[in-house]
Amino acid sequence: MISRLQAVNRGVGLILGLVLAATIAFVIADVVMRQMGRSLGGSDEISGYAMGVLASWGLAVALAERAHVRIDLLRQGLSTRGRAVLDLVAMAALAFIAVLVAWQAWPVLGKTLERGSRANTPLETPLWIPQGLWFAGWLWFAVCAALTLLAALLIAARRDWPRLEDAIGMGHEGEEALADARRLEDDRR
């Protein structure tokens, strides 16, 4: 399940990268055109919407890539089982927050839909469009986090600690960074 979520989120990450590149190109084109006395208009508004949408969807991509920040001061000195317990606690906390924010994001979108709200800008963007994409990103993050936690709990129930670390641990880059930091500290002594 975790590998499938990672594969889907790699595709999502690719789409997010393309959207970001298109947003950058649009802003650059608008800035250049302003120098010539013309403007595409709305680049500030559209780029703001893009950043909100990219951020909410990017959370699930970061989860799949194990790129969320962790404080590993305690974790680094523990056994494999001890690290697994902290990884499970971190995953449970992340899933809880993701579900809570997605749950609380729905009323924002719901009121916008109910009122037919539009942006108070020259574009008069129907706000359900950017808010719907933003909410969908939070919902996807909540689903990914909950499914990842479920898979991790199933792995933990089998007491397969190395597999659990591969599934929700820091990842090889994080472990390598910690090992490098330890070597530097040892060299200083």
N, C-alpha and C. Protein backbone atom coordinates (compact mmCIF):
# COMPACT_ATOMS: atom_id res chain seq x y z
N MET A 1 0.83 -1.19 0.00
CA MET A 1 0.00 0.00 0.00
C MET A 1 0.88 1.26 0.00
N ILE A 2 1.92 1.24 0.82
CA ILE A 2 2.79 2.41 0.90
C ILE A 2 3.51 2.65 -0.43
N SER A 3 3.96 1.58 -1.07
CA SER A 3 4.66 1.76 -2.36
C SER A 3 3.70 2.28 -3.43
N ARG A 4 2.44 1.89 -3.37
CA ARG A 4 1.46 2.41 -4.34
C ARG A 4 1.21 3.89 -4.10
N LEU A 5 1.08 4.28 -2.82
CA LEU A 5 0.90 5.69 -2.50
C LEU A 5 2.12 6.51 -2.95
N GLN A 6 3.31 5.94 -2.77
CA GLN A 6 4.51 6.64 -3.21
C GLN A 6 4.50 6.83 -4.72
N ALA A 7 4.10 5.80 -5.45
CA ALA A 7 4.07 5.89 -6.92
C ALA A 7 3.06 6.95 -7.37
N VAL A 8 1.88 6.95 -6.78
CA VAL A 8 0.86 7.94 -7.14
C VAL A 8 1.36 9.34 -6.80
N ASN A 9 1.98 9.48 -5.63
CA ASN A 9 2.44 10.80 -5.22
C ASN A 9 3.64 11.29 -6.03
N ARG A 10 4.40 10.38 -6.60
CA ARG A 10 5.46 10.82 -7.52
C ARG A 10 4.83 11.45 -8.76
N GLY A 11 3.74 10.86 -9.22
CA GLY A 11 3.00 11.45 -10.35
C GLY A 11 2.40 12.79 -9.97
N VAL A 12 1.84 12.88 -8.77
CA VAL A 12 1.30 14.14 -8.29
C VAL A 12 2.41 15.18 -8.21
N GLY A 13 3.58 14.77 -7.72
CA GLY A 13 4.71 15.68 -7.63
C GLY A 13 5.13 16.21 -8.99
N LEU A 14 5.11 15.35 -9.99
CA LEU A 14 5.43 15.77 -11.35
C LEU A 14 4.43 16.82 -11.84
N ILE A 15 3.16 16.56 -11.61
CA ILE A 15 2.12 17.52 -12.02
C ILE A 15 2.31 18.84 -11.28
N LEU A 16 2.61 18.77 -9.99
CA LEU A 16 2.83 20.00 -9.21
C LEU A 16 4.02 20.78 -9.76
N GLY A 17 5.06 20.08 -10.13
CA GLY A 17 6.22 20.75 -10.71
C GLY A 17 5.87 21.45 -12.01
N LEU A 18 5.06 20.80 -12.83
CA LEU A 18 4.64 21.43 -14.09
C LEU A 18 3.76 22.65 -13.84
N VAL A 19 2.86 22.55 -12.85
CA VAL A 19 2.03 23.70 -12.50
C VAL A 19 2.89 24.85 -11.99
N LEU A 20 3.87 24.53 -11.16
CA LEU A 20 4.76 25.57 -10.65
C LEU A 20 5.54 26.22 -11.79
N ALA A 21 6.05 25.42 -12.71
CA ALA A 21 6.79 25.96 -13.85
C ALA A 21 5.88 26.85 -14.72
N ALA A 22 4.65 26.43 -14.93
CA ALA A 22 3.71 27.24 -15.71
C ALA A 22 3.39 28.55 -14.99
N THR A 23 3.25 28.47 -13.67
CA THR A 23 2.97 29.68 -12.89
C THR A 23 4.14 30.65 -12.99
N ILE A 24 5.34 30.14 -12.88
CA ILE A 24 6.55 30.98 -13.00
C ILE A 24 6.61 31.63 -14.38
N ALA A 25 6.35 30.84 -15.41
CA ALA A 25 6.38 31.37 -16.78
C ALA A 25 5.32 32.46 -16.96
N PHE A 26 4.15 32.26 -16.38
CA PHE A 26 3.07 33.25 -16.48
C PHE A 26 3.47 34.55 -15.78
N VAL A 27 4.05 34.44 -14.59
CA VAL A 27 4.47 35.64 -13.85
C VAL A 27 5.58 36.37 -14.61
N ILE A 28 6.54 35.62 -15.12
CA ILE A 28 7.64 36.25 -15.88
C ILE A 28 7.09 36.95 -17.12
N ALA A 29 6.19 36.28 -17.83
CA ALA A 29 5.60 36.90 -19.03
C ALA A 29 4.85 38.17 -18.67
N ASP A 30 4.13 38.15 -17.55
CA ASP A 30 3.39 39.34 -17.12
C ASP A 30 4.34 40.47 -16.77
N VAL A 31 5.42 40.17 -16.06
CA VAL A 31 6.40 41.20 -15.69
C VAL A 31 7.04 41.80 -16.93
N VAL A 32 7.42 40.96 -17.89
CA VAL A 32 8.03 41.45 -19.13
C VAL A 32 7.04 42.32 -19.89
N MET A 33 5.80 41.88 -19.97
CA MET A 33 4.79 42.65 -20.70
C MET A 33 4.52 43.99 -20.02
N ARG A 34 4.61 44.03 -18.69
CA ARG A 34 4.42 45.30 -17.99
C ARG A 34 5.49 46.32 -18.39
N GLN A 35 6.68 45.83 -18.67
CA GLN A 35 7.76 46.72 -19.10
C GLN A 35 7.47 47.33 -20.47
N MET A 36 6.59 46.65 -21.22
CA MET A 36 6.20 47.15 -22.55
C MET A 36 4.87 47.89 -22.52
N GLY A 37 4.38 48.15 -21.30
CA GLY A 37 3.13 48.91 -21.17
C GLY A 37 1.87 48.08 -21.24
N ARG A 38 2.00 46.77 -21.24
CA ARG A 38 0.82 45.88 -21.28
C ARG A 38 0.91 44.91 -20.12
N SER A 39 -0.13 44.13 -19.92
CA SER A 39 -0.13 43.15 -18.85
C SER A 39 -1.11 42.04 -19.17
N LEU A 40 -0.75 40.84 -18.74
CA LEU A 40 -1.68 39.72 -18.85
C LEU A 40 -2.77 39.87 -17.80
N GLY A 41 -2.41 40.46 -16.67
CA GLY A 41 -3.36 40.70 -15.58
C GLY A 41 -3.60 39.46 -14.75
N GLY A 42 -3.65 39.69 -13.46
CA GLY A 42 -4.00 38.61 -12.55
C GLY A 42 -2.88 37.68 -12.16
N SER A 43 -1.65 37.99 -12.54
CA SER A 43 -0.56 37.05 -12.22
C SER A 43 -0.36 36.93 -10.71
N ASP A 44 -0.55 38.03 -9.98
CA ASP A 44 -0.40 37.96 -8.53
C ASP A 44 -1.49 37.10 -7.90
N GLU A 45 -2.70 37.26 -8.38
CA GLU A 45 -3.82 36.48 -7.85
C GLU A 45 -3.67 34.99 -8.20
N ILE A 46 -3.39 34.71 -9.44
CA ILE A 46 -3.28 33.32 -9.88
C ILE A 46 -2.09 32.63 -9.22
N SER A 47 -0.97 33.34 -9.09
CA SER A 47 0.19 32.71 -8.44
C SER A 47 -0.09 32.45 -6.95
N GLY A 48 -0.86 33.32 -6.32
CA GLY A 48 -1.25 33.08 -4.93
C GLY A 48 -2.10 31.82 -4.79
N TYR A 49 -3.06 31.67 -5.68
CA TYR A 49 -3.88 30.45 -5.66
C TYR A 49 -3.00 29.23 -5.92
N ALA A 50 -2.10 29.35 -6.89
CA ALA A 50 -1.23 28.22 -7.23
C ALA A 50 -0.39 27.80 -6.02
N MET A 51 0.14 28.78 -5.29
CA MET A 51 0.97 28.44 -4.13
C MET A 51 0.17 27.71 -3.05
N GLY A 52 -1.05 28.15 -2.81
CA GLY A 52 -1.90 27.47 -1.82
C GLY A 52 -2.23 26.04 -2.23
N VAL A 53 -2.55 25.87 -3.49
CA VAL A 53 -2.88 24.53 -4.00
C VAL A 53 -1.64 23.64 -4.00
N LEU A 54 -0.51 24.18 -4.47
CA LEU A 54 0.72 23.40 -4.49
C LEU A 54 1.15 22.98 -3.09
N ALA A 55 0.99 23.87 -2.14
CA ALA A 55 1.38 23.55 -0.76
C ALA A 55 0.52 22.42 -0.20
N SER A 56 -0.80 22.49 -0.38
CA SER A 56 -1.65 21.45 0.20
C SER A 56 -1.40 20.09 -0.46
N TRP A 57 -1.25 20.05 -1.77
CA TRP A 57 -0.97 18.79 -2.45
C TRP A 57 0.45 18.31 -2.18
N GLY A 58 1.37 19.26 -2.03
CA GLY A 58 2.76 18.91 -1.78
C GLY A 58 3.00 18.21 -0.46
N LEU A 59 2.10 18.38 0.50
CA LEU A 59 2.25 17.70 1.79
C LEU A 59 2.21 16.19 1.62
N ALA A 60 1.33 15.69 0.77
CA ALA A 60 1.26 14.24 0.54
C ALA A 60 2.49 13.75 -0.20
N VAL A 61 2.99 14.56 -1.12
CA VAL A 61 4.21 14.19 -1.84
C VAL A 61 5.37 14.12 -0.86
N ALA A 62 5.47 15.10 0.03
CA ALA A 62 6.53 15.09 1.04
C ALA A 62 6.40 13.87 1.96
N LEU A 63 5.18 13.48 2.29
CA LEU A 63 4.97 12.29 3.11
C LEU A 63 5.48 11.05 2.39
N ALA A 64 5.14 10.93 1.12
CA ALA A 64 5.57 9.77 0.34
C ALA A 64 7.08 9.69 0.21
N GLU A 65 7.72 10.85 0.16
CA GLU A 65 9.18 10.89 0.01
C GLU A 65 9.89 10.95 1.37
N ARG A 66 9.13 10.88 2.43
CA ARG A 66 9.65 10.98 3.80
C ARG A 66 10.49 12.23 3.98
N ALA A 67 9.94 13.35 3.52
CA ALA A 67 10.65 14.62 3.56
C ALA A 67 10.15 15.55 4.66
N HIS A 68 9.19 15.12 5.46
CA HIS A 68 8.73 15.96 6.56
C HIS A 68 9.81 16.04 7.62
N VAL A 69 9.92 17.17 8.23
CA VAL A 69 10.97 17.41 9.22
C VAL A 69 10.68 16.61 10.49
N ARG A 70 11.75 16.04 11.03
CA ARG A 70 11.66 15.34 12.31
C ARG A 70 12.80 15.83 13.19
N ILE A 71 12.56 15.76 14.47
CA ILE A 71 13.61 16.08 15.43
C ILE A 71 14.14 14.76 15.93
N ASP A 72 15.37 14.43 15.54
CA ASP A 72 15.89 13.10 15.75
C ASP A 72 16.91 12.98 16.87
N LEU A 73 16.91 13.94 17.77
CA LEU A 73 17.86 13.90 18.87
C LEU A 73 17.66 12.63 19.71
N LEU A 74 16.42 12.31 20.04
CA LEU A 74 16.14 11.10 20.82
C LEU A 74 16.25 9.84 19.97
N ARG A 75 15.76 9.92 18.76
CA ARG A 75 15.66 8.75 17.90
C ARG A 75 17.01 8.12 17.57
N GLN A 76 18.02 8.95 17.34
CA GLN A 76 19.30 8.44 16.85
C GLN A 76 19.99 7.50 17.82
N GLY A 77 19.74 7.60 19.10
CA GLY A 77 20.42 6.73 20.06
C GLY A 77 19.63 5.48 20.44
N LEU A 78 18.49 5.27 19.81
CA LEU A 78 17.63 4.15 20.19
C LEU A 78 17.87 2.91 19.33
N SER A 79 17.37 1.81 19.84
CA SER A 79 17.41 0.55 19.08
C SER A 79 16.41 0.63 17.93
N THR A 80 16.43 -0.36 17.08
CA THR A 80 15.50 -0.41 15.95
C THR A 80 14.06 -0.36 16.44
N ARG A 81 13.76 -1.10 17.49
CA ARG A 81 12.40 -1.11 18.04
C ARG A 81 12.04 0.26 18.62
N GLY A 82 12.97 0.88 19.32
CA GLY A 82 12.71 2.21 19.88
C GLY A 82 12.46 3.25 18.80
N ARG A 83 13.25 3.18 17.74
CA ARG A 83 13.03 4.09 16.60
C ARG A 83 11.67 3.83 15.97
N ALA A 84 11.29 2.56 15.91
CA ALA A 84 9.99 2.21 15.32
C ALA A 84 8.85 2.82 16.14
N VAL A 85 8.98 2.79 17.45
CA VAL A 85 7.93 3.37 18.31
C VAL A 85 7.83 4.87 18.05
N LEU A 86 8.96 5.56 18.00
CA LEU A 86 8.93 7.01 17.73
C LEU A 86 8.40 7.30 16.33
N ASP A 87 8.75 6.48 15.35
CA ASP A 87 8.23 6.66 14.00
C ASP A 87 6.71 6.50 13.97
N LEU A 88 6.20 5.52 14.72
CA LEU A 88 4.75 5.32 14.79
C LEU A 88 4.06 6.50 15.46
N VAL A 89 4.66 7.02 16.53
CA VAL A 89 4.09 8.19 17.20
C VAL A 89 4.08 9.38 16.25
N ALA A 90 5.18 9.59 15.54
CA ALA A 90 5.26 10.70 14.58
C ALA A 90 4.22 10.53 13.47
N MET A 91 4.07 9.30 12.97
CA MET A 91 3.11 9.06 11.89
C MET A 91 1.68 9.26 12.39
N ALA A 92 1.40 8.81 13.61
CA ALA A 92 0.06 9.00 14.18
C ALA A 92 -0.24 10.48 14.36
N ALA A 93 0.73 11.24 14.85
CA ALA A 93 0.53 12.68 15.03
C ALA A 93 0.30 13.37 13.69
N LEU A 94 1.09 12.99 12.69
CA LEU A 94 0.94 13.58 11.36
C LEU A 94 -0.43 13.26 10.77
N ALA A 95 -0.85 12.02 10.90
CA ALA A 95 -2.16 11.61 10.38
C ALA A 95 -3.28 12.36 11.10
N PHE A 96 -3.15 12.50 12.41
CA PHE A 96 -4.17 13.21 13.19
C PHE A 96 -4.29 14.66 12.71
N ILE A 97 -3.16 15.33 12.57
CA ILE A 97 -3.18 16.73 12.13
C ILE A 97 -3.73 16.85 10.71
N ALA A 98 -3.32 15.93 9.82
CA ALA A 98 -3.80 15.98 8.44
C ALA A 98 -5.32 15.82 8.38
N VAL A 99 -5.84 14.85 9.12
CA VAL A 99 -7.29 14.63 9.14
C VAL A 99 -8.01 15.82 9.77
N LEU A 100 -7.45 16.35 10.85
CA LEU A 100 -8.07 17.50 11.52
C LEU A 100 -8.13 18.72 10.60
N VAL A 101 -7.03 19.02 9.90
CA VAL A 101 -7.03 20.19 9.02
C VAL A 101 -7.98 19.96 7.84
N ALA A 102 -7.98 18.76 7.27
CA ALA A 102 -8.91 18.48 6.17
C ALA A 102 -10.36 18.62 6.64
N TRP A 103 -10.62 18.14 7.83
CA TRP A 103 -11.98 18.24 8.41
C TRP A 103 -12.37 19.71 8.58
N GLN A 104 -11.45 20.53 9.05
CA GLN A 104 -11.73 21.94 9.28
C GLN A 104 -11.70 22.77 7.99
N ALA A 105 -11.07 22.24 6.96
CA ALA A 105 -11.02 22.96 5.68
C ALA A 105 -12.36 22.88 4.95
N TRP A 106 -13.10 21.82 5.18
CA TRP A 106 -14.37 21.67 4.46
C TRP A 106 -15.34 22.83 4.72
N PRO A 107 -15.52 23.29 5.98
CA PRO A 107 -16.44 24.42 6.18
C PRO A 107 -16.04 25.68 5.40
N VAL A 108 -14.76 25.90 5.18
CA VAL A 108 -14.31 27.05 4.40
C VAL A 108 -14.85 26.93 2.97
N LEU A 109 -14.64 25.77 2.37
CA LEU A 109 -15.13 25.53 1.02
C LEU A 109 -16.66 25.50 0.99
N GLY A 110 -17.26 24.89 2.00
CA GLY A 110 -18.73 24.81 2.06
C GLY A 110 -19.39 26.18 2.07
N LYS A 111 -18.85 27.11 2.86
CA LYS A 111 -19.42 28.47 2.90
C LYS A 111 -19.23 29.17 1.56
N THR A 112 -18.10 28.95 0.94
CA THR A 112 -17.84 29.56 -0.37
C THR A 112 -18.86 29.05 -1.39
N LEU A 113 -19.11 27.75 -1.38
CA LEU A 113 -20.09 27.17 -2.31
C LEU A 113 -21.50 27.69 -2.01
N GLU A 114 -21.83 27.74 -0.73
CA GLU A 114 -23.16 28.19 -0.31
C GLU A 114 -23.42 29.64 -0.72
N ARG A 115 -22.40 30.47 -0.58
CA ARG A 115 -22.56 31.91 -0.86
C ARG A 115 -22.24 32.28 -2.31
N GLY A 116 -21.61 31.36 -3.04
CA GLY A 116 -21.19 31.69 -4.41
C GLY A 116 -20.14 32.78 -4.42
N SER A 117 -19.25 32.74 -3.45
CA SER A 117 -18.26 33.80 -3.27
C SER A 117 -17.31 33.91 -4.47
N ARG A 118 -16.94 35.17 -4.73
CA ARG A 118 -15.98 35.48 -5.78
C ARG A 118 -14.89 36.36 -5.17
N ALA A 119 -13.72 36.31 -5.78
CA ALA A 119 -12.61 37.14 -5.31
C ALA A 119 -12.94 38.61 -5.55
N ASN A 120 -12.52 39.45 -4.63
CA ASN A 120 -12.71 40.90 -4.75
C ASN A 120 -11.54 41.48 -5.54
N THR A 121 -11.41 41.01 -6.78
CA THR A 121 -10.30 41.41 -7.66
C THR A 121 -10.87 41.63 -9.06
N PRO A 122 -10.06 42.20 -9.95
CA PRO A 122 -10.55 42.37 -11.32
C PRO A 122 -10.95 41.05 -12.00
N LEU A 123 -10.30 39.94 -11.64
CA LEU A 123 -10.65 38.66 -12.26
C LEU A 123 -11.97 38.09 -11.73
N GLU A 124 -12.37 38.51 -10.53
CA GLU A 124 -13.59 38.00 -9.89
C GLU A 124 -13.66 36.47 -9.94
N THR A 125 -12.57 35.85 -9.59
CA THR A 125 -12.47 34.39 -9.62
C THR A 125 -13.50 33.75 -8.70
N PRO A 126 -14.28 32.79 -9.20
CA PRO A 126 -15.15 32.04 -8.28
C PRO A 126 -14.25 31.28 -7.29
N LEU A 127 -14.38 31.61 -6.01
CA LEU A 127 -13.43 31.08 -5.03
C LEU A 127 -13.54 29.59 -4.79
N TRP A 128 -14.62 28.97 -5.25
CA TRP A 128 -14.71 27.53 -5.07
C TRP A 128 -13.64 26.79 -5.88
N ILE A 129 -13.15 27.42 -6.94
CA ILE A 129 -12.13 26.76 -7.77
C ILE A 129 -10.81 26.62 -7.01
N PRO A 130 -10.18 27.71 -6.58
CA PRO A 130 -8.92 27.52 -5.84
C PRO A 130 -9.13 26.84 -4.49
N GLN A 131 -10.24 27.16 -3.81
CA GLN A 131 -10.48 26.52 -2.52
C GLN A 131 -10.79 25.04 -2.67
N GLY A 132 -11.46 24.67 -3.75
CA GLY A 132 -11.75 23.25 -3.99
C GLY A 132 -10.47 22.47 -4.24
N LEU A 133 -9.56 23.04 -5.02
CA LEU A 133 -8.28 22.39 -5.28
C LEU A 133 -7.44 22.33 -4.00
N TRP A 134 -7.48 23.40 -3.21
CA TRP A 134 -6.77 23.45 -1.93
C TRP A 134 -7.32 22.40 -0.98
N PHE A 135 -8.64 22.33 -0.87
CA PHE A 135 -9.28 21.34 0.00
C PHE A 135 -8.95 19.92 -0.47
N ALA A 136 -9.00 19.69 -1.78
CA ALA A 136 -8.70 18.36 -2.32
C ALA A 136 -7.28 17.93 -1.95
N GLY A 137 -6.34 18.89 -1.94
CA GLY A 137 -4.97 18.59 -1.53
C GLY A 137 -4.89 18.17 -0.08
N TRP A 138 -5.59 18.89 0.79
CA TRP A 138 -5.62 18.51 2.21
C TRP A 138 -6.29 17.16 2.40
N LEU A 139 -7.37 16.92 1.66
CA LEU A 139 -8.06 15.65 1.77
C LEU A 139 -7.15 14.51 1.30
N TRP A 140 -6.44 14.71 0.21
CA TRP A 140 -5.52 13.69 -0.29
C TRP A 140 -4.41 13.43 0.73
N PHE A 141 -3.89 14.49 1.33
CA PHE A 141 -2.87 14.33 2.36
C PHE A 141 -3.41 13.53 3.54
N ALA A 142 -4.63 13.83 3.96
CA ALA A 142 -5.24 13.11 5.09
C ALA A 142 -5.42 11.62 4.75
N VAL A 143 -5.89 11.34 3.54
CA VAL A 143 -6.06 9.94 3.11
C VAL A 143 -4.71 9.22 3.08
N CYS A 144 -3.71 9.87 2.49
CA CYS A 144 -2.37 9.26 2.42
C CYS A 144 -1.80 9.02 3.81
N ALA A 145 -1.94 9.99 4.69
CA ALA A 145 -1.41 9.85 6.04
C ALA A 145 -2.12 8.74 6.80
N ALA A 146 -3.44 8.68 6.68
CA ALA A 146 -4.20 7.65 7.38
C ALA A 146 -3.87 6.25 6.85
N LEU A 147 -3.77 6.11 5.53
CA LEU A 147 -3.42 4.82 4.95
C LEU A 147 -1.99 4.40 5.29
N THR A 148 -1.09 5.38 5.32
CA THR A 148 0.30 5.09 5.70
C THR A 148 0.36 4.64 7.15
N LEU A 149 -0.38 5.32 8.01
CA LEU A 149 -0.43 4.91 9.42
C LEU A 149 -1.00 3.50 9.56
N LEU A 150 -2.07 3.21 8.85
CA LEU A 150 -2.67 1.87 8.90
C LEU A 150 -1.67 0.82 8.44
N ALA A 151 -1.00 1.06 7.34
CA ALA A 151 0.00 0.11 6.85
C ALA A 151 1.13 -0.06 7.86
N ALA A 152 1.56 1.04 8.46
CA ALA A 152 2.64 0.98 9.46
C ALA A 152 2.20 0.18 10.69
N LEU A 153 0.98 0.35 11.11
CA LEU A 153 0.47 -0.42 12.26
C LEU A 153 0.41 -1.91 11.94
N LEU A 154 0.03 -2.24 10.71
CA LEU A 154 0.00 -3.65 10.31
C LEU A 154 1.40 -4.25 10.29
N ILE A 155 2.37 -3.47 9.82
CA ILE A 155 3.76 -3.94 9.82
C ILE A 155 4.25 -4.10 11.26
N ALA A 156 3.91 -3.13 12.11
CA ALA A 156 4.34 -3.20 13.51
C ALA A 156 3.70 -4.38 14.23
N ALA A 157 2.48 -4.72 13.87
CA ALA A 157 1.82 -5.87 14.48
C ALA A 157 2.57 -7.16 14.17
N ARG A 158 3.27 -7.20 13.05
CA ARG A 158 4.09 -8.37 12.69
C ARG A 158 5.49 -8.28 13.28
N ARG A 159 5.76 -7.17 13.97
CA ARG A 159 7.07 -6.92 14.60
C ARG A 159 8.22 -6.96 13.58
N ASP A 160 7.94 -6.48 12.41
CA ASP A 160 8.95 -6.41 11.36
C ASP A 160 9.56 -5.01 11.39
N TRP A 161 10.43 -4.78 12.38
CA TRP A 161 10.98 -3.45 12.63
C TRP A 161 11.80 -2.90 11.46
N PRO A 162 12.64 -3.70 10.82
CA PRO A 162 13.38 -3.15 9.67
C PRO A 162 12.44 -2.70 8.54
N ARG A 163 11.41 -3.48 8.28
CA ARG A 163 10.45 -3.09 7.24
C ARG A 163 9.70 -1.83 7.64
N LEU A 164 9.38 -1.72 8.92
CA LEU A 164 8.70 -0.51 9.40
C LEU A 164 9.59 0.71 9.20
N GLU A 165 10.88 0.55 9.51
CA GLU A 165 11.80 1.67 9.32
C GLU A 165 11.89 2.03 7.84
N ASP A 166 11.89 1.05 6.96
CA ASP A 166 11.89 1.33 5.52
C ASP A 166 10.62 2.05 5.10
N ALA A 167 9.50 1.73 5.75
CA ALA A 167 8.20 2.29 5.36
C ALA A 167 8.01 3.72 5.86
N ILE A 168 8.33 3.98 7.13
CA ILE A 168 8.02 5.30 7.69
C ILE A 168 9.19 5.94 8.43
N GLY A 169 10.36 5.31 8.38
CA GLY A 169 11.53 5.87 9.05
C GLY A 169 12.04 7.09 8.33
N MET A 170 13.22 7.52 8.73
CA MET A 170 13.80 8.73 8.16
C MET A 170 14.20 8.58 6.70
N GLY A 171 14.46 7.40 6.29
CA GLY A 171 14.96 7.20 4.93
C GLY A 171 16.47 7.21 4.95
N HIS A 172 17.05 6.72 3.90
CA HIS A 172 18.50 6.58 3.84
C HIS A 172 19.23 7.92 3.88
N GLU A 173 18.65 8.95 3.24
CA GLU A 173 19.31 10.25 3.25
C GLU A 173 19.40 10.81 4.65
N GLY A 174 18.32 10.64 5.43
CA GLY A 174 18.32 11.13 6.80
C GLY A 174 19.32 10.40 7.66
N GLU A 175 19.40 9.09 7.50
CA GLU A 175 20.37 8.30 8.26
C GLU A 175 21.80 8.67 7.86
N GLU A 176 22.02 8.88 6.57
CA GLU A 176 23.35 9.27 6.11
C GLU A 176 23.75 10.63 6.67
N ALA A 177 22.80 11.55 6.72
CA ALA A 177 23.09 12.88 7.27
C ALA A 177 23.45 12.78 8.74
N LEU A 178 22.72 11.94 9.48
CA LEU A 178 23.04 11.76 10.89
C LEU A 178 24.41 11.12 11.07
N ALA A 179 24.73 10.14 10.24
CA ALA A 179 26.04 9.48 10.32
C ALA A 179 27.15 10.49 10.01
N ASP A 180 26.94 11.35 9.01
CA ASP A 180 27.92 12.38 8.68
C ASP A 180 28.10 13.35 9.85
N ALA A 181 27.00 13.73 10.48
CA ALA A 181 27.08 14.64 11.63
C ALA A 181 27.85 14.00 12.78
N ARG A 182 27.61 12.71 13.00
CA ARG A 182 28.34 12.00 14.07
C ARG A 182 29.83 11.95 13.76
N ARG A 183 30.18 11.68 12.49
CA ARG A 183 31.60 11.65 12.11
C ARG A 183 32.27 13.00 12.31
N LEU A 184 31.58 14.06 11.93
CA LEU A 184 32.13 15.40 12.12
C LEU A 184 32.36 15.70 13.60
N GLU A 185 31.39 15.32 14.41
CA GLU A 185 31.51 15.54 15.86
C GLU A 185 32.68 14.74 16.42
N ASP A 186 32.83 13.51 15.98
CA ASP A 186 33.95 12.67 16.44
C ASP A 186 35.29 13.27 16.00
N ASP A 187 35.35 13.82 14.78
CA ASP A 187 36.58 14.41 14.27
C ASP A 187 36.98 15.64 15.08
N ARG A 188 35.99 16.39 15.56
CA ARG A 188 36.28 17.58 16.36
C ARG A 188 36.89 17.22 17.72
N ARG A 189 36.54 16.06 18.19
CA ARG A 189 37.04 15.64 19.51
C ARG A 189 38.42 15.17 19.34
